[in-house]
């Protein structure tokens, strides 16, 4: 039994071979290249056993009696018939009412809009037999995955935003997240914008956040989409999160519509990709409504296919085990799509949390830990920023804050490279085991007890 039965004209064999090459990575695809023995007998045997039919429609295929016979057999077998139009011809009689995916200008790229639509349609009928693999990188190979973005904020940190950008550029931090809240004219961001331009010119990747975090913490109810648009327009960036609604609709379908609307609205302000942020609806008694998150992520990804979808870590559950389980549930639902959808977890800079959530299926993170705490490479100590002189070595030629930042960034850059290398080699389990067992096996053993699914 095959997942997909592909029909085409011999004149279109070159295109059919390319389509087959992409589809067979995710589904069991049958086409006439597999025929051994009598042609008609193989077709009559295979069509009823298939789950759907893909017709590569062209002037050549619509005129073929054999193609029309295969369509008739598919219809009699009650197969879903999915049509990919290769040129501007009309569909054969009786099939004109079927929706078509336009692949008129397809160049063989799996990211082509029409081909992506075909993949989504197939996935609706037949979930992929093999879940799509995490890519090595995104953003035209600029961002290796998994990835930690160093967050920069004026709220409750020990380094001014402009100085933080300067330090991160000097230490060659590959990617940063900056808040739109700090980049509107009323906060006089000129110095920071200059530093961001220098950082981007040096090869750094800038992810612009919506500013909702700072506005909520400072109880600034005046922060609005117009302020956000100003920051987006005037600030250099490579990706930008949409202006998010912190208290979304409790209905899952309405929440999906709200997020998609926000992305499409904000996309009018910038030529850079706009990324969706999902917020779990808060419950009256505390906590969040979590059960709909897998569906919400799936539907947003199906429509937008964005480079990343983000959610705050705190809205994934009460503790790291609950959060890891929720990421796993989201990843499991996303695996039903024909493309890999990266997940970004907002507000996660602790190495243990990153390691566990990577194993659960998350892909990128951002955090302020690098400028709030003193991180120890052996995890003997994660101290307050201002206790660094008790646990670290000070360089008397550099200011105190710079000492801590250099110490943290040297460690985290190494952590990030090691994480990417181990995930690329498919050694996630060994990597997480090593991270959690540096001082004691107790955290690892507790994780295995409460979340056995994270390891085989």
Foldseek 3Di string as FASTA:
>chain_A
DWAEEEDEAPVCVVVVVLLCVLQVVFTRYDYPVPDDPDPVVVLLVVLLVYQAYEYADDPRLQPDPVNVVSVVSNVVSVHHYAYEYCDPDAHHPPCNPPDYQYCVPPPSDCPPPSNQLVQQVSLVRPFTPFFDDDDQADPVRLGGKQEEAAEADPPPFDDHRLVVLVLCQVVVPAEHEYELLCQFPVNPCVSSQVSQVVSVVSRHAYEYEQNPVVCVVVVPPPDDVVSSLRSVQSHDHQEYEFNDDQAADQDLVRQLVVQLVRQVVSCVSDVHHYETEHHFHADPVGAGDQPCVLVSLQVNCSPPVGQEYEYEQSNQDDDLLSNLVSLLSNQVSNSSGSHDHAYEYEADDDLLSVLSNVLSPHIYYYHNLLRAWQDDLLRPDTGGLVCCVVPHDDDVVDDSSSRRNSNSCVSVVVSRVVCSVCVVVVNSVVVSCCNCPSPHCVVVVVSCVSPVPSDD
